[in-house]
Amino acid sequence: MLLRFACSCASAAPVADDPWVAIAKQGKLNDGTKERILNSVQRQPRTVSQLAQELGLSAPSVHRHVAELLASELIREVSVDAGAQRSAVERYYCPSFLVVRAADRGALEAILKDLANEVAEAFRGRLPGLAEALRVTGLLDEAKEAETLPHYLYAAAVRLARENLEKEQVLPA
């Protein structure tokens, strides 16, 4: 199962079809073990010992990967029922982000594609005005890679739209 972020804002790459590409480039999932851990904890919270047993790895090795995933904020510690714990000091982990399963994504796909087409059309319609604004700013002269400017403009517009929706309490702040 492939995990996907809700948006590409987690990506450090200028353009990334899949945010996992940028995470891999940053070395956060460089050997595949961390991705296996993420896939495991997204199904249900697990401890280091449970992960080590499931993945066939040593507990110290899994502990190191879990520490790095925590530092990268890709996973977080969660509480579980006291009856499920073998000891009071056991720590359980889950992803720090929403994981949308393929079946759920499929149910949303049609309306999201329509919304995406509307957003893309609105952006295309504003390109002449954005181009004029860019000429006034001088950013075209400063940009080493002019093709990254539309990505910046689009990301800035999306960020401002999100802020508007948060102010209107359509999205949680």
C-alpha atoms as a PDB file:
ATOM      1  CA  MET A   1       0.000   0.000   0.000  1.00  0.00           C
ATOM      2  CA  LEU A   2       1.366   3.396  -0.996  1.00  0.00           C
ATOM      3  CA  LEU A   3       0.935   6.216   1.512  1.00  0.00           C
ATOM      4  CA  ARG A   4       0.235   9.684   0.173  1.00  0.00           C
ATOM      5  CA  PHE A   5       0.218  13.079   1.851  1.00  0.00           C
ATOM      6  CA  ALA A   6      -2.871  15.242   1.620  1.00  0.00           C
ATOM      7  CA  CYS A   7      -0.846  17.922  -0.171  1.00  0.00           C
ATOM      8  CA  SER A   8       2.547  18.457  -1.686  1.00  0.00           C
ATOM      9  CA  CYS A   9       3.387  21.063   0.967  1.00  0.00           C
ATOM     10  CA  ALA A  10       5.498  18.377   2.648  1.00  0.00           C
ATOM     11  CA  SER A  11       7.691  18.193  -0.436  1.00  0.00           C
ATOM     12  CA  ALA A  12      10.949  20.093  -0.659  1.00  0.00           C
ATOM     13  CA  ALA A  13      11.174  19.439  -4.390  1.00  0.00           C
ATOM     14  CA  PRO A  14      10.043  22.259  -6.712  1.00  0.00           C
ATOM     15  CA  VAL A  15       7.806  19.801  -8.542  1.00  0.00           C
ATOM     16  CA  ALA A  16       6.987  16.378  -7.181  1.00  0.00           C
ATOM     17  CA  ASP A  17       4.266  14.116  -8.499  1.00  0.00           C
ATOM     18  CA  ASP A  18       4.532  12.162  -5.254  1.00  0.00           C
ATOM     19  CA  PRO A  19       5.775  13.725  -2.001  1.00  0.00           C
ATOM     20  CA  TRP A  20       7.497  10.433  -1.144  1.00  0.00           C
ATOM     21  CA  VAL A  21      10.044  11.345  -3.831  1.00  0.00           C
ATOM     22  CA  ALA A  22      11.219  14.393  -1.873  1.00  0.00           C
ATOM     23  CA  ILE A  23      11.261  12.469   1.408  1.00  0.00           C
ATOM     24  CA  ALA A  24      13.413   9.803  -0.185  1.00  0.00           C
ATOM     25  CA  LYS A  25      15.750  12.460  -1.637  1.00  0.00           C
ATOM     26  CA  GLN A  26      16.174  13.914   1.844  1.00  0.00           C
ATOM     27  CA  GLY A  27      17.176  10.467   3.115  1.00  0.00           C
ATOM     28  CA  LYS A  28      14.265  10.083   5.498  1.00  0.00           C
ATOM     29  CA  LEU A  29      13.280   6.727   3.976  1.00  0.00           C
ATOM     30  CA  ASN A  30      16.619   5.900   2.403  1.00  0.00           C
ATOM     31  CA  ASP A  31      16.805   2.154   3.032  1.00  0.00           C
ATOM     32  CA  GLY A  32      13.135   1.119   2.841  1.00  0.00           C
ATOM     33  CA  THR A  33      12.949   0.156   6.513  1.00  0.00           C
ATOM     34  CA  LYS A  34      11.312   3.401   7.577  1.00  0.00           C
ATOM     35  CA  GLU A  35       8.706   3.034   4.836  1.00  0.00           C
ATOM     36  CA  ARG A  36       7.985  -0.497   6.072  1.00  0.00           C
ATOM     37  CA  ILE A  37       7.606   0.892   9.602  1.00  0.00           C
ATOM     38  CA  LEU A  38       5.209   3.604   8.359  1.00  0.00           C
ATOM     39  CA  ASN A  39       3.159   1.028   6.486  1.00  0.00           C
ATOM     40  CA  SER A  40       2.949  -1.105   9.617  1.00  0.00           C
ATOM     41  CA  VAL A  41       1.977   1.640  12.067  1.00  0.00           C
ATOM     42  CA  GLN A  42      -0.628   3.068   9.702  1.00  0.00           C
ATOM     43  CA  ARG A  43      -2.587  -0.194  10.050  1.00  0.00           C
ATOM     44  CA  GLN A  44      -2.506  -0.014  13.860  1.00  0.00           C
ATOM     45  CA  PRO A  45      -0.279   1.587  16.483  1.00  0.00           C
ATOM     46  CA  ARG A  46       2.727  -0.570  17.310  1.00  0.00           C
ATOM     47  CA  THR A  47       5.658  -0.658  19.721  1.00  0.00           C
ATOM     48  CA  VAL A  48       9.324  -1.008  18.829  1.00  0.00           C
ATOM     49  CA  SER A  49       9.196  -4.662  19.956  1.00  0.00           C
ATOM     50  CA  GLN A  50       6.128  -5.393  17.834  1.00  0.00           C
ATOM     51  CA  LEU A  51       7.714  -3.719  14.824  1.00  0.00           C
ATOM     52  CA  ALA A  52      10.970  -5.618  15.293  1.00  0.00           C
ATOM     53  CA  GLN A  53       9.101  -8.937  15.407  1.00  0.00           C
ATOM     54  CA  GLU A  54       6.863  -8.100  12.437  1.00  0.00           C
ATOM     55  CA  LEU A  55       9.717  -6.818  10.258  1.00  0.00           C
ATOM     56  CA  GLY A  56      12.272  -9.418  11.324  1.00  0.00           C
ATOM     57  CA  LEU A  57      14.742  -6.805  12.565  1.00  0.00           C
ATOM     58  CA  SER A  58      16.550  -6.279  15.841  1.00  0.00           C
ATOM     59  CA  ALA A  59      14.844  -4.050  18.423  1.00  0.00           C
ATOM     60  CA  PRO A  60      17.856  -1.647  18.564  1.00  0.00           C
ATOM     61  CA  SER A  61      17.722  -1.233  14.787  1.00  0.00           C
ATOM     62  CA  VAL A  62      13.983  -0.524  14.842  1.00  0.00           C
ATOM     63  CA  HIS A  63      14.441   1.837  17.803  1.00  0.00           C
ATOM     64  CA  ARG A  64      16.975   3.877  15.802  1.00  0.00           C
ATOM     65  CA  HIS A  65      14.580   4.106  12.825  1.00  0.00           C
ATOM     66  CA  VAL A  66      11.655   5.028  15.103  1.00  0.00           C
ATOM     67  CA  ALA A  67      13.754   7.776  16.733  1.00  0.00           C
ATOM     68  CA  GLU A  68      14.590   9.196  13.298  1.00  0.00           C
ATOM     69  CA  LEU A  69      10.941   9.027  12.193  1.00  0.00           C
ATOM     70  CA  LEU A  70       9.929  10.839  15.389  1.00  0.00           C
ATOM     71  CA  ALA A  71      12.594  13.506  14.802  1.00  0.00           C
ATOM     72  CA  SER A  72      11.318  13.934  11.223  1.00  0.00           C
ATOM     73  CA  GLU A  73       7.761  14.195  12.586  1.00  0.00           C
ATOM     74  CA  LEU A  74       6.598  11.386  10.308  1.00  0.00           C
ATOM     75  CA  ILE A  75       5.306   9.379  13.275  1.00  0.00           C
ATOM     76  CA  ARG A  76       4.096  10.301  16.739  1.00  0.00           C
ATOM     77  CA  GLU A  77       3.532   8.565  20.048  1.00  0.00           C
ATOM     78  CA  VAL A  78      -0.096   7.617  20.821  1.00  0.00           C
ATOM     79  CA  SER A  79      -1.977   6.291  23.812  1.00  0.00           C
ATOM     80  CA  VAL A  80      -3.617   2.866  23.723  1.00  0.00           C
ATOM     81  CA  ASP A  81      -5.941   1.109  26.133  1.00  0.00           C
ATOM     82  CA  ALA A  82      -4.117   0.108  29.291  1.00  0.00           C
ATOM     83  CA  GLY A  83      -5.332  -3.468  28.745  1.00  0.00           C
ATOM     84  CA  ALA A  84      -3.503  -3.615  25.408  1.00  0.00           C
ATOM     85  CA  GLN A  85      -0.168  -2.661  26.962  1.00  0.00           C
ATOM     86  CA  ARG A  86       2.165  -5.299  28.363  1.00  0.00           C
ATOM     87  CA  SER A  87       3.841  -2.692  30.568  1.00  0.00           C
ATOM     88  CA  ALA A  88       3.237   0.912  31.571  1.00  0.00           C
ATOM     89  CA  VAL A  89       6.405   2.088  29.809  1.00  0.00           C
ATOM     90  CA  GLU A  90       5.530   0.681  26.374  1.00  0.00           C
ATOM     91  CA  ARG A  91       5.268   3.350  23.703  1.00  0.00           C
ATOM     92  CA  TYR A  92       3.008   3.001  20.673  1.00  0.00           C
ATOM     93  CA  TYR A  93       3.486   4.871  17.400  1.00  0.00           C
ATOM     94  CA  CYS A  94       1.323   5.878  14.441  1.00  0.00           C
ATOM     95  CA  PRO A  95       1.764   8.193  11.419  1.00  0.00           C
ATOM     96  CA  SER A  96       1.615  11.944  12.069  1.00  0.00           C
ATOM     97  CA  PHE A  97      -0.490  12.452   8.960  1.00  0.00           C
ATOM     98  CA  LEU A  98      -3.754  11.184   7.562  1.00  0.00           C
ATOM     99  CA  VAL A  99      -3.468   8.025   5.501  1.00  0.00           C
ATOM    100  CA  VAL A 100      -6.235   7.699   2.920  1.00  0.00           C
ATOM    101  CA  ARG A 101      -6.760   4.166   1.689  1.00  0.00           C
ATOM    102  CA  ALA A 102      -7.252   3.488  -2.023  1.00  0.00           C
ATOM    103  CA  ALA A 103     -10.944   2.571  -1.652  1.00  0.00           C
ATOM    104  CA  ASP A 104     -11.683   5.828   0.168  1.00  0.00           C
ATOM    105  CA  ARG A 105      -9.614   7.801  -2.321  1.00  0.00           C
ATOM    106  CA  GLY A 106     -11.593   6.188  -5.147  1.00  0.00           C
ATOM    107  CA  ALA A 107     -14.887   7.328  -3.627  1.00  0.00           C
ATOM    108  CA  LEU A 108     -13.634  10.931  -3.604  1.00  0.00           C
ATOM    109  CA  GLU A 109     -11.812  10.858  -6.945  1.00  0.00           C
ATOM    110  CA  ALA A 110     -14.544  12.200  -9.261  1.00  0.00           C
ATOM    111  CA  ILE A 111     -15.430  15.274  -7.198  1.00  0.00           C
ATOM    112  CA  LEU A 112     -11.756  15.989  -6.499  1.00  0.00           C
ATOM    113  CA  LYS A 113     -10.933  15.804 -10.220  1.00  0.00           C
ATOM    114  CA  ASP A 114     -13.740  18.281 -10.951  1.00  0.00           C
ATOM    115  CA  LEU A 115     -12.466  20.608  -8.235  1.00  0.00           C
ATOM    116  CA  ALA A 116      -8.894  20.265  -9.528  1.00  0.00           C
ATOM    117  CA  ASN A 117     -10.042  21.144 -13.059  1.00  0.00           C
ATOM    118  CA  GLU A 118     -11.824  24.252 -11.734  1.00  0.00           C
ATOM    119  CA  VAL A 119      -8.747  25.341  -9.787  1.00  0.00           C
ATOM    120  CA  ALA A 120      -6.489  24.749 -12.804  1.00  0.00           C
ATOM    121  CA  GLU A 121      -8.837  26.722 -15.066  1.00  0.00           C
ATOM    122  CA  ALA A 122      -8.933  29.619 -12.573  1.00  0.00           C
ATOM    123  CA  PHE A 123      -5.118  29.620 -12.381  1.00  0.00           C
ATOM    124  CA  ARG A 124      -4.782  29.539 -16.186  1.00  0.00           C
ATOM    125  CA  GLY A 125      -7.239  32.435 -16.431  1.00  0.00           C
ATOM    126  CA  ARG A 126      -5.115  34.532 -14.075  1.00  0.00           C
ATOM    127  CA  LEU A 127      -1.783  33.852 -15.822  1.00  0.00           C
ATOM    128  CA  PRO A 128      -1.830  37.065 -17.922  1.00  0.00           C
ATOM    129  CA  GLY A 129      -2.346  39.192 -14.789  1.00  0.00           C
ATOM    130  CA  LEU A 130       0.299  37.231 -12.902  1.00  0.00           C
ATOM    131  CA  ALA A 131       2.747  37.664 -15.799  1.00  0.00           C
ATOM    132  CA  GLU A 132       2.159  41.428 -15.731  1.00  0.00           C
ATOM    133  CA  ALA A 133       2.680  41.517 -11.953  1.00  0.00           C
ATOM    134  CA  LEU A 134       5.916  39.551 -12.362  1.00  0.00           C
ATOM    135  CA  ARG A 135       7.217  42.086 -14.872  1.00  0.00           C
ATOM    136  CA  VAL A 136       6.582  44.870 -12.357  1.00  0.00           C
ATOM    137  CA  THR A 137       8.363  43.009  -9.532  1.00  0.00           C
ATOM    138  CA  GLY A 138      11.550  42.186 -11.377  1.00  0.00           C
ATOM    139  CA  LEU A 139      11.370  38.568 -10.253  1.00  0.00           C
ATOM    140  CA  LEU A 140      11.783  37.426 -13.858  1.00  0.00           C
ATOM    141  CA  ASP A 141      15.250  39.000 -13.890  1.00  0.00           C
ATOM    142  CA  GLU A 142      16.194  37.558 -10.495  1.00  0.00           C
ATOM    143  CA  ALA A 143      14.905  34.031 -10.982  1.00  0.00           C
ATOM    144  CA  LYS A 144      17.644  31.639 -12.007  1.00  0.00           C
ATOM    145  CA  GLU A 145      15.044  29.169 -13.170  1.00  0.00           C
ATOM    146  CA  ALA A 146      12.081  31.090 -14.563  1.00  0.00           C
ATOM    147  CA  GLU A 147      10.073  27.877 -14.889  1.00  0.00           C
ATOM    148  CA  THR A 148       9.863  27.673 -11.068  1.00  0.00           C
ATOM    149  CA  LEU A 149       7.955  30.969 -10.842  1.00  0.00           C
ATOM    150  CA  PRO A 150       4.579  29.484 -11.863  1.00  0.00           C
ATOM    151  CA  HIS A 151       5.039  26.818  -9.171  1.00  0.00           C
ATOM    152  CA  TYR A 152       5.708  29.528  -6.609  1.00  0.00           C
ATOM    153  CA  LEU A 153       2.669  31.536  -7.756  1.00  0.00           C
ATOM    154  CA  TYR A 154       0.412  28.497  -7.647  1.00  0.00           C
ATOM    155  CA  ALA A 155       1.672  27.424  -4.211  1.00  0.00           C
ATOM    156  CA  ALA A 156       1.239  30.972  -2.883  1.00  0.00           C
ATOM    157  CA  ALA A 157      -2.332  31.126  -4.227  1.00  0.00           C
ATOM    158  CA  VAL A 158      -3.176  27.769  -2.652  1.00  0.00           C
ATOM    159  CA  ARG A 159      -1.662  28.865   0.659  1.00  0.00           C
ATOM    160  CA  LEU A 160      -3.711  32.098   0.600  1.00  0.00           C
ATOM    161  CA  ALA A 161      -6.871  30.157  -0.293  1.00  0.00           C
ATOM    162  CA  ARG A 162      -6.224  27.807   2.637  1.00  0.00           C
ATOM    163  CA  GLU A 163      -5.771  30.788   4.961  1.00  0.00           C
ATOM    164  CA  ASN A 164      -9.074  32.263   3.734  1.00  0.00           C
ATOM    165  CA  LEU A 165     -10.864  28.966   4.327  1.00  0.00           C
ATOM    166  CA  GLU A 166      -9.329  28.751   7.800  1.00  0.00           C
ATOM    167  CA  LYS A 167     -10.534  32.279   8.650  1.00  0.00           C
ATOM    168  CA  GLU A 168     -14.021  31.303   7.459  1.00  0.00           C
ATOM    169  CA  GLN A 169     -13.697  28.123   9.570  1.00  0.00           C
ATOM    170  CA  VAL A 170     -14.309  25.919   6.532  1.00  0.00           C
ATOM    171  CA  LEU A 171     -10.921  24.342   7.326  1.00  0.00           C
ATOM    172  CA  PRO A 172      -9.507  23.941  10.821  1.00  0.00           C
ATOM    173  CA  ALA A 173      -6.759  26.441  11.613  1.00  0.00           C
END
